[in-house]
Protein backbone atom coordinates (compact mmCIF):
# COMPACT_ATOMS: atom_id res chain seq x y z
CA UNK A 1 -10.47 -15.35 26.62
CA UNK A 2 -14.25 -15.31 26.13
CA UNK A 3 -14.77 -16.52 22.54
CA UNK A 4 -18.28 -15.05 22.42
CA UNK A 5 -16.87 -11.59 23.14
CA UNK A 6 -14.40 -11.73 20.25
CA UNK A 7 -14.92 -9.89 16.95
CA UNK A 8 -15.95 -12.14 14.08
CA UNK A 9 -14.36 -10.16 11.25
CA UNK A 10 -11.46 -7.78 10.63
CA UNK A 11 -11.27 -4.73 8.39
CA UNK A 12 -7.61 -3.93 7.77
CA UNK A 13 -6.82 -0.71 5.91
CA UNK A 14 -3.30 0.29 4.85
CA UNK A 15 -2.84 4.02 4.42
CA UNK A 16 -0.11 3.57 1.82
CA UNK A 17 3.02 5.52 2.66
CA UNK A 18 1.70 7.17 5.86
CA UNK A 19 4.75 6.69 8.08
CA UNK A 20 5.12 8.23 11.55
CA UNK A 21 8.79 9.07 11.88
CA UNK A 22 12.20 7.76 10.96
CA UNK A 23 13.30 4.38 12.27
CA UNK A 24 16.69 4.16 14.04
CA UNK A 25 18.32 2.77 10.88
CA UNK A 26 16.78 5.38 8.56
CA UNK A 27 20.14 6.98 7.85
CA UNK A 28 21.28 3.73 6.23
CA UNK A 29 18.56 4.32 3.63
CA UNK A 30 19.19 8.04 3.19
CA UNK A 31 16.06 8.83 5.22
CA UNK A 32 17.40 10.39 8.41
CA UNK A 33 14.78 12.76 9.81
CA UNK A 34 11.95 11.52 7.56
CA UNK A 35 8.48 11.94 9.04
CA UNK A 36 5.60 11.60 6.61
CA UNK A 37 2.58 12.45 8.76
CA UNK A 38 4.43 14.81 11.08
CA UNK A 39 6.00 16.91 8.33
CA UNK A 40 2.93 16.89 6.08
CA UNK A 41 0.58 18.07 8.82
CA UNK A 42 3.06 20.66 10.06
CA UNK A 43 3.61 22.01 6.54
CA UNK A 44 -0.11 22.22 5.80
CA UNK A 45 -0.87 24.22 8.93
CA UNK A 46 -4.52 23.90 9.84
CA UNK A 47 -5.67 20.30 9.37
CA UNK A 48 -9.04 18.83 10.34
CA UNK A 49 -8.62 15.22 11.51
CA UNK A 50 -11.14 14.87 14.35
CA UNK A 51 -11.65 11.12 14.03
CA UNK A 52 -8.01 10.09 13.71
CA UNK A 53 -7.28 12.49 16.58
CA UNK A 54 -9.96 10.81 18.68
CA UNK A 55 -8.41 7.44 17.84
CA UNK A 56 -5.10 8.61 19.34
CA UNK A 57 -2.93 9.52 16.35
CA UNK A 58 -1.51 12.50 18.25
CA UNK A 59 -0.69 10.26 21.20
CA UNK A 60 1.46 7.89 19.16
CA UNK A 61 3.01 10.71 17.14
CA UNK A 62 3.16 14.09 18.92
CA UNK A 63 5.05 15.60 15.95
CA UNK A 64 1.72 15.82 14.12
CA UNK A 65 0.64 18.50 16.58
CA UNK A 66 -2.67 16.68 17.05
CA UNK A 67 -3.87 16.82 20.68
CA UNK A 68 -3.75 13.53 22.59
CA UNK A 69 -7.30 12.62 23.68
CA UNK A 70 -8.01 11.96 27.34
CA UNK A 71 -10.00 8.85 26.37
CA UNK A 72 -8.70 7.51 23.04
CA UNK A 73 -11.30 5.62 21.02
CA UNK A 74 -8.72 3.23 19.55
CA UNK A 75 -5.89 1.11 20.85
CA UNK A 76 -2.78 2.83 19.55
CA UNK A 77 0.90 2.28 18.93
CA UNK A 78 3.67 2.20 16.35
CA UNK A 79 5.31 -0.65 14.47
CA UNK A 80 8.88 -1.06 13.25
CA UNK A 81 9.74 -2.88 10.04
CA UNK A 82 11.83 -5.97 10.58
CA UNK A 83 12.54 -6.59 6.90
CA UNK A 84 15.25 -4.71 5.08
CA UNK A 85 14.01 -2.20 2.56
CA UNK A 86 11.06 0.18 2.42
CA UNK A 87 8.90 -0.93 -0.47
CA UNK A 88 5.25 -1.82 -0.86
CA UNK A 89 5.68 -5.56 -1.28
CA UNK A 90 7.96 -6.20 1.69
CA UNK A 91 5.86 -3.96 3.96
CA UNK A 92 2.61 -5.71 3.06
CA UNK A 93 4.14 -9.17 3.23
CA UNK A 94 5.43 -8.42 6.73
CA UNK A 95 1.97 -7.22 7.81
CA UNK A 96 0.77 -10.72 6.91
CA UNK A 97 3.59 -12.47 8.72
CA UNK A 98 6.33 -12.95 6.14
CA UNK A 99 9.69 -11.20 6.29
CA UNK A 100 11.89 -11.45 3.23
CA UNK A 101 15.65 -11.00 3.16
CA UNK A 102 15.45 -9.82 -0.44
CA UNK A 103 16.14 -6.16 -1.08
CA UNK A 104 14.51 -5.41 -4.40
CA UNK A 105 16.60 -3.46 -6.88
CA UNK A 106 15.85 0.05 -8.08
CA UNK A 107 17.13 1.71 -11.24
CA UNK A 108 17.75 5.46 -10.91
CA UNK A 109 19.61 5.46 -14.25
CA UNK A 110 17.09 3.29 -16.09
CA UNK A 111 17.35 -0.40 -16.88
CA UNK A 112 20.51 -1.98 -18.31
CA UNK A 113 20.64 -1.83 -22.11
CA UNK A 114 20.85 -5.64 -22.54
CA UNK A 115 17.56 -5.98 -20.62
CA UNK A 116 15.85 -3.46 -22.87
CA UNK A 117 17.26 -5.03 -26.03
CA UNK A 118 16.10 -8.48 -24.95
CA UNK A 119 12.64 -7.19 -24.06
CA UNK A 120 12.32 -5.32 -27.35
CA UNK A 121 13.40 -8.38 -29.34
CA UNK A 122 10.94 -10.69 -27.59
CA UNK A 123 7.91 -8.40 -27.92
CA UNK A 124 8.72 -7.19 -31.43
CA UNK A 125 8.49 -3.50 -30.61
CA UNK A 126 10.97 -0.71 -29.93
CA UNK A 127 11.33 1.03 -26.57
CA UNK A 128 11.07 4.70 -25.64
CA UNK A 129 12.05 6.32 -22.35
CA UNK A 130 13.87 3.83 -20.12
CA UNK A 131 14.26 6.26 -17.24
CA UNK A 132 12.70 7.12 -13.88
CA UNK A 133 9.64 9.27 -14.48
CA UNK A 134 6.19 10.26 -13.37
CA UNK A 135 3.70 8.11 -15.23
CA UNK A 136 1.42 11.02 -16.03
CA UNK A 137 4.30 13.14 -17.28
CA UNK A 138 6.08 10.58 -19.44
CA UNK A 139 2.97 9.79 -21.49
CA UNK A 140 2.63 13.50 -22.28
CA UNK A 141 6.32 13.63 -23.20
CA UNK A 142 6.48 10.47 -25.34
CA UNK A 143 2.86 9.63 -26.15
CA UNK A 144 2.78 11.20 -29.60
CA UNK A 145 6.05 9.55 -30.63
CA UNK A 146 4.77 6.25 -29.26
CA UNK A 147 1.67 6.50 -31.44
CA UNK A 148 3.74 7.41 -34.51
CA UNK A 149 6.20 4.52 -34.09
CA UNK A 150 4.35 1.89 -32.09
CA UNK A 151 7.31 1.73 -29.71
CA UNK A 152 6.48 0.98 -26.08
CA UNK A 153 7.13 3.51 -23.30
CA UNK A 154 9.22 1.87 -20.58
CA UNK A 155 9.99 3.68 -17.35
CA UNK A 156 10.64 3.10 -13.66
CA UNK A 157 10.32 5.06 -10.42
CA UNK A 158 11.89 5.14 -6.99
CA UNK A 159 10.22 1.76 -6.45
CA UNK A 160 11.45 -1.55 -7.78
CA UNK A 161 9.18 -1.55 -10.81
CA UNK A 162 9.34 -2.01 -14.59
CA UNK A 163 6.43 -0.07 -16.11
CA UNK A 164 5.19 -0.34 -19.67
CA UNK A 165 2.84 2.33 -21.03
CA UNK A 166 0.94 2.14 -24.31
CA UNK A 167 -2.03 3.85 -25.92
CA UNK A 168 -4.99 1.49 -26.07
CA UNK A 169 -5.64 2.37 -29.73
CA UNK A 170 -2.00 1.82 -30.70
CA UNK A 171 -1.27 -1.35 -28.73
CA UNK A 172 -4.29 -3.52 -27.87
CA UNK A 173 -4.68 -4.27 -24.17
CA UNK A 174 -4.09 -7.99 -24.57
CA UNK A 175 -0.82 -7.31 -26.38
CA UNK A 176 0.27 -4.85 -23.68
CA UNK A 177 -0.48 -7.44 -21.02
CA UNK A 178 1.50 -10.04 -22.97
CA UNK A 179 4.43 -7.63 -23.18
CA UNK A 180 4.32 -7.21 -19.42
CA UNK A 181 4.28 -10.98 -18.93
CA UNK A 182 7.41 -11.15 -21.07
CA UNK A 183 8.99 -8.39 -18.99
CA UNK A 184 8.05 -10.22 -15.77
CA UNK A 185 9.91 -13.32 -16.93
CA UNK A 186 12.94 -11.21 -17.86
CA UNK A 187 13.34 -8.84 -14.92
CA UNK A 188 11.91 -10.40 -11.77
CA UNK A 189 14.63 -13.09 -11.64
CA UNK A 190 17.08 -10.16 -11.61
CA UNK A 191 15.60 -8.55 -8.48
CA UNK A 192 12.71 -6.41 -9.74
CA UNK A 193 9.59 -6.65 -7.57
CA UNK A 194 6.85 -5.63 -10.01
CA UNK A 195 5.95 -5.10 -13.63
CA UNK A 196 3.00 -2.79 -14.32
CA UNK A 197 0.96 -2.36 -17.49
CA UNK A 198 0.04 1.33 -17.83
CA UNK A 199 -2.50 1.77 -20.65
CA UNK A 200 -3.63 5.27 -21.61
CA UNK A 201 -5.88 7.09 -24.05
CA UNK A 202 -6.32 10.61 -25.40
CA UNK A 203 -4.54 12.82 -27.89
CA UNK A 204 -1.18 14.61 -27.89
CA UNK A 205 -1.07 17.09 -25.04
CA UNK A 206 -4.13 15.52 -23.43
CA UNK A 207 -3.28 11.90 -22.64
CA UNK A 208 -4.80 10.21 -19.58
CA UNK A 209 -4.28 6.82 -17.97
CA UNK A 210 -7.18 4.39 -18.02
CA UNK A 211 -8.34 2.05 -15.27
CA UNK A 212 -7.01 -0.99 -17.16
CA UNK A 213 -3.75 -0.99 -15.23
CA UNK A 214 -2.50 -4.46 -14.34
CA UNK A 215 0.25 -5.35 -11.88
CA UNK A 216 2.49 -8.42 -12.05
CA UNK A 217 4.14 -8.86 -8.65
CA UNK A 218 6.49 -11.55 -7.42
CA UNK A 219 4.68 -13.73 -4.84
CA UNK A 220 5.64 -13.76 -1.15
CA UNK A 221 8.50 -16.19 -0.52
CA UNK A 222 6.53 -18.16 2.09
CA UNK A 223 2.82 -18.67 2.94
CA UNK A 224 1.22 -15.63 4.56
CA UNK A 225 -1.51 -15.46 7.18
CA UNK A 226 -3.91 -14.78 4.30
CA UNK A 227 -3.06 -18.15 2.80
CA UNK A 228 -3.55 -19.80 6.19
CA UNK A 229 -7.01 -18.21 6.40
CA UNK A 230 -7.86 -19.33 2.88
CA UNK A 231 -6.79 -22.90 3.65
CA UNK A 232 -9.06 -22.85 6.70
CA UNK A 233 -12.03 -21.70 4.62
CA UNK A 234 -12.04 -18.18 6.02
CA UNK A 235 -12.67 -15.58 3.30
CA UNK A 236 -10.06 -12.95 2.49
CA UNK A 237 -11.39 -10.03 0.44
CA UNK A 238 -8.80 -7.77 -1.16
CA UNK A 239 -9.92 -4.28 -2.16
CA UNK A 240 -7.90 -2.30 -4.69
CA UNK A 241 -4.34 -3.44 -5.30
CA UNK A 242 -4.15 -6.00 -2.46
CA UNK A 243 -4.51 -8.92 -4.88
CA UNK A 244 -1.66 -7.61 -7.02
CA UNK A 245 0.66 -6.99 -4.05
CA UNK A 246 0.36 -10.63 -2.96
CA UNK A 247 0.26 -12.02 -6.52
CA UNK A 248 -3.19 -13.33 -5.69
CA UNK A 249 -1.90 -15.66 -2.97
CA UNK A 250 -4.53 -16.05 -0.25
CA UNK A 251 -7.01 -13.58 -1.77
CA UNK A 252 -10.32 -15.42 -2.12
CA UNK A 253 -12.32 -12.42 -3.38
CA UNK A 254 -11.08 -9.39 -5.31
CA UNK A 255 -12.93 -6.07 -5.46
CA UNK A 256 -11.66 -3.69 -8.12
CA UNK A 257 -11.22 -0.07 -7.06
CA UNK A 258 -8.67 2.47 -8.20
CA UNK A 259 -8.50 5.46 -5.83
CA UNK A 260 -8.96 6.31 -2.17
CA UNK A 261 -12.59 7.36 -2.54
CA UNK A 262 -13.64 4.23 -4.44
CA UNK A 263 -11.60 1.88 -2.26
CA UNK A 264 -13.09 3.33 0.91
CA UNK A 265 -16.61 3.21 -0.55
CA UNK A 266 -16.22 -0.44 -1.64
CA UNK A 267 -14.87 -1.35 1.80
CA UNK A 268 -17.86 0.26 3.51
CA UNK A 269 -20.21 -1.60 1.16
CA UNK A 270 -18.56 -4.92 2.01
CA UNK A 271 -18.99 -4.24 5.71
CA UNK A 272 -22.61 -3.23 5.21
CA UNK A 273 -23.24 -6.45 3.30
CA UNK A 274 -21.99 -8.44 6.27
CA UNK A 275 -18.86 -9.77 4.57
CA UNK A 276 -16.96 -11.87 7.07
CA UNK A 277 -13.36 -12.96 7.48
CA UNK A 278 -10.64 -10.47 6.58
CA UNK A 279 -11.43 -7.41 4.47
CA UNK A 280 -8.07 -5.96 3.41
CA UNK A 281 -7.77 -2.62 1.58
CA UNK A 282 -4.95 -0.35 0.47
CA UNK A 283 -5.48 3.41 0.06
CA UNK A 284 -3.05 4.01 -2.77
CA UNK A 285 -3.42 7.75 -3.37
CA UNK A 286 -1.36 8.85 -0.35
CA UNK A 287 1.67 7.17 -1.90
CA UNK A 288 1.04 7.19 -5.66
CA UNK A 289 -0.49 10.63 -6.16
CA UNK A 290 0.94 12.70 -3.32
CA UNK A 291 3.95 11.11 -1.61
CA UNK A 292 5.95 10.30 -4.74
CA UNK A 293 5.00 13.65 -6.29
CA UNK A 294 5.87 15.56 -3.10
CA UNK A 295 2.42 17.14 -3.02
CA UNK A 296 1.86 18.20 0.60
CA UNK A 297 -1.48 19.88 -0.02
CA UNK A 298 -2.91 16.89 -1.89
CA UNK A 299 -1.60 14.50 0.76
CA UNK A 300 -3.23 16.35 3.64
CA UNK A 301 -6.52 16.89 1.82
CA UNK A 302 -6.63 13.13 1.12
CA UNK A 303 -5.98 12.48 4.80
CA UNK A 304 -8.88 14.76 5.72
CA UNK A 305 -11.13 12.99 3.21
CA UNK A 306 -10.34 9.62 4.77
CA UNK A 307 -10.91 11.04 8.25
CA UNK A 308 -14.40 12.12 7.17
CA UNK A 309 -15.10 8.54 6.08
CA UNK A 310 -14.12 7.00 9.43
CA UNK A 311 -17.60 7.38 11.03
CA UNK A 312 -19.14 5.53 8.06
CA UNK A 313 -16.56 2.76 8.44
CA UNK A 314 -17.35 2.48 12.14
CA UNK A 315 -21.09 2.38 11.50
CA UNK A 316 -20.72 -0.28 8.80
CA UNK A 317 -18.38 -2.30 11.02
CA UNK A 318 -21.19 -2.89 13.49
CA UNK A 319 -20.47 -4.43 16.86
CA UNK A 320 -18.84 -7.63 15.64
CA UNK A 321 -15.83 -6.25 13.75
CA UNK A 322 -12.33 -5.00 14.42
CA UNK A 323 -10.95 -2.05 12.43
CA UNK A 324 -7.16 -1.85 12.03
CA UNK A 325 -5.46 1.16 10.42
CA UNK A 326 -1.76 1.06 9.56
CA UNK A 327 0.77 1.76 6.78
CA UNK A 328 3.44 -0.12 4.85
CA UNK A 329 6.28 2.44 4.82
CA UNK A 330 6.74 6.21 4.75
CA UNK A 331 6.73 8.61 1.81
CA UNK A 332 7.45 12.06 3.22
CA UNK A 333 6.01 14.65 0.79
CA UNK A 334 8.38 17.30 2.19
CA UNK A 335 11.54 15.25 1.53
CA UNK A 336 13.91 15.56 -1.39
CA UNK A 337 13.68 13.05 -4.22
CA UNK A 338 10.66 10.83 -4.79
CA UNK A 339 11.52 7.65 -2.88
CA UNK A 340 9.77 5.86 -0.04
CA UNK A 341 11.09 6.48 3.48
CA UNK A 342 12.24 4.06 6.17
CA UNK A 343 9.75 4.91 8.94
CA UNK A 344 7.69 3.50 11.73
CA UNK A 345 4.04 3.00 10.80
CA UNK A 346 0.94 3.78 12.86
CA UNK A 347 -1.17 1.12 14.52
CA UNK A 348 -4.73 2.16 15.36
CA UNK A 349 -7.16 -0.59 16.38
CA UNK A 350 -10.83 0.21 16.96
CA UNK A 351 -13.00 -2.32 18.80
CA UNK A 352 -16.63 -1.12 19.03
CA UNK A 353 -17.10 -3.22 22.17
CA UNK A 354 -14.44 -1.27 24.07
CA UNK A 355 -15.15 2.31 25.07
CA UNK A 356 -11.54 3.37 25.61
CA UNK A 357 -8.40 2.27 23.78
CA UNK A 358 -5.07 1.78 25.54
CA UNK A 359 -1.44 2.00 24.36
CA UNK A 360 -0.01 -0.90 22.35
CA UNK A 361 3.54 0.45 22.54
CA UNK A 362 6.21 0.20 19.89
CA UNK A 363 5.86 -3.17 18.17
CA UNK A 364 9.02 -4.81 16.88
CA UNK A 365 7.50 -5.96 13.59
CA UNK A 366 4.57 -5.29 11.26
CA UNK A 367 3.88 -9.02 11.59
CA UNK A 368 2.12 -8.44 14.91
CA UNK A 369 -0.96 -7.62 12.82
CA UNK A 370 -0.81 -10.94 11.02
CA UNK A 371 -0.27 -12.78 14.30
CA UNK A 372 -3.33 -11.03 15.76
CA UNK A 373 -5.51 -11.88 12.75
CA UNK A 374 -4.41 -15.53 12.92
CA UNK A 375 -5.08 -15.59 16.66
CA UNK A 376 -8.58 -14.16 16.22
CA UNK A 377 -9.62 -16.68 13.60
CA UNK A 378 -7.94 -19.62 15.31
CA UNK A 379 -5.54 -20.53 12.51
CA UNK A 380 -1.86 -21.31 12.65
CA UNK A 381 0.29 -18.23 12.23
CA UNK A 382 3.57 -17.93 10.37
CA UNK A 383 5.71 -18.07 13.51
CA UNK A 384 6.51 -14.39 13.25
CA UNK A 385 5.00 -11.58 15.30
CA UNK A 386 3.23 -11.31 18.64
CA UNK A 387 -0.55 -11.18 18.83
CA UNK A 388 -2.09 -8.18 20.58
CA UNK A 389 -5.59 -9.69 20.46
CA UNK A 390 -5.85 -9.98 24.26
CA UNK A 391 -4.87 -6.31 24.58
CA UNK A 392 -7.69 -5.08 22.35
CA UNK A 393 -10.47 -7.45 23.39
């Protein structure tokens, strides 16, 4: 392989929750027939995705109804998840070459009473809620009572997460963060993947969450490709919640951004600035705002907004970069319930030095991305996954 012809940096963007059809074992997870992108695009009717269409999204997933291009601009395929489960952490860890056997616990009936009692005792405050809920809805429901009593709002979701909400004028941020550190010590040894601090402001009937959210995630069980890069002196820049997902492991630079628009804009800026190594971003809105809330219209409009940003990403990438688009799981906005879905994820790889992209097939693990990144930068991989670098260069 001609080293001089290889890209010198990678921009990896996870479209959170944008699965492309149920995996063969989806029925074991209650997800038979799930199809996030296919169902969302079908339900929305007319959808304008010219750039993702040109990349070959319709080729890898005909159920979207997008026409397959005669000359796809990106190398294209699908990836299966090797790990058990369908959550954010395991999906991202596998992308970077680590498969965990742990299936993180979820709590559709709320957390066990002894856990809540122990948490309350250790932080010195009462607890409200303790149920699965939308974060925006539960602060409207319990915010006034929280401010009257000083009790913390604790809730969960379809994910493996212990969330603590508090008004910033009632519970100072540093105290809220301390409470979440206490919760982390209590619940993660029992199989919970994340604790999230959810501060908010406002008045009864008009509460809103601030950007001072903080995630406390269990670290990957083994070193990831990101950590291998870091050890070799190759920068890894995490945009948005990437640092939190990996508990900071292997992230050499963190860029704060809180929604799809900001995350995409910061990623483009990094590319324009010539940032090298791996630039790794997660577009959270598809999952957090639209998938979990079963909002088809919002999901598709967000997809269109990202599609409009693709030309700017390509321009900022220059001729020396590799752009990889994928997902970490599905979250079908047309499905019942609010849980993630066990789905294949898309793999779209744009190399500006190649005029036409070719099929990459159905990959057996998300870890093929990590293996490819390790191969490109000449570092030791994790032993999992098969590099497709030769296919795309």
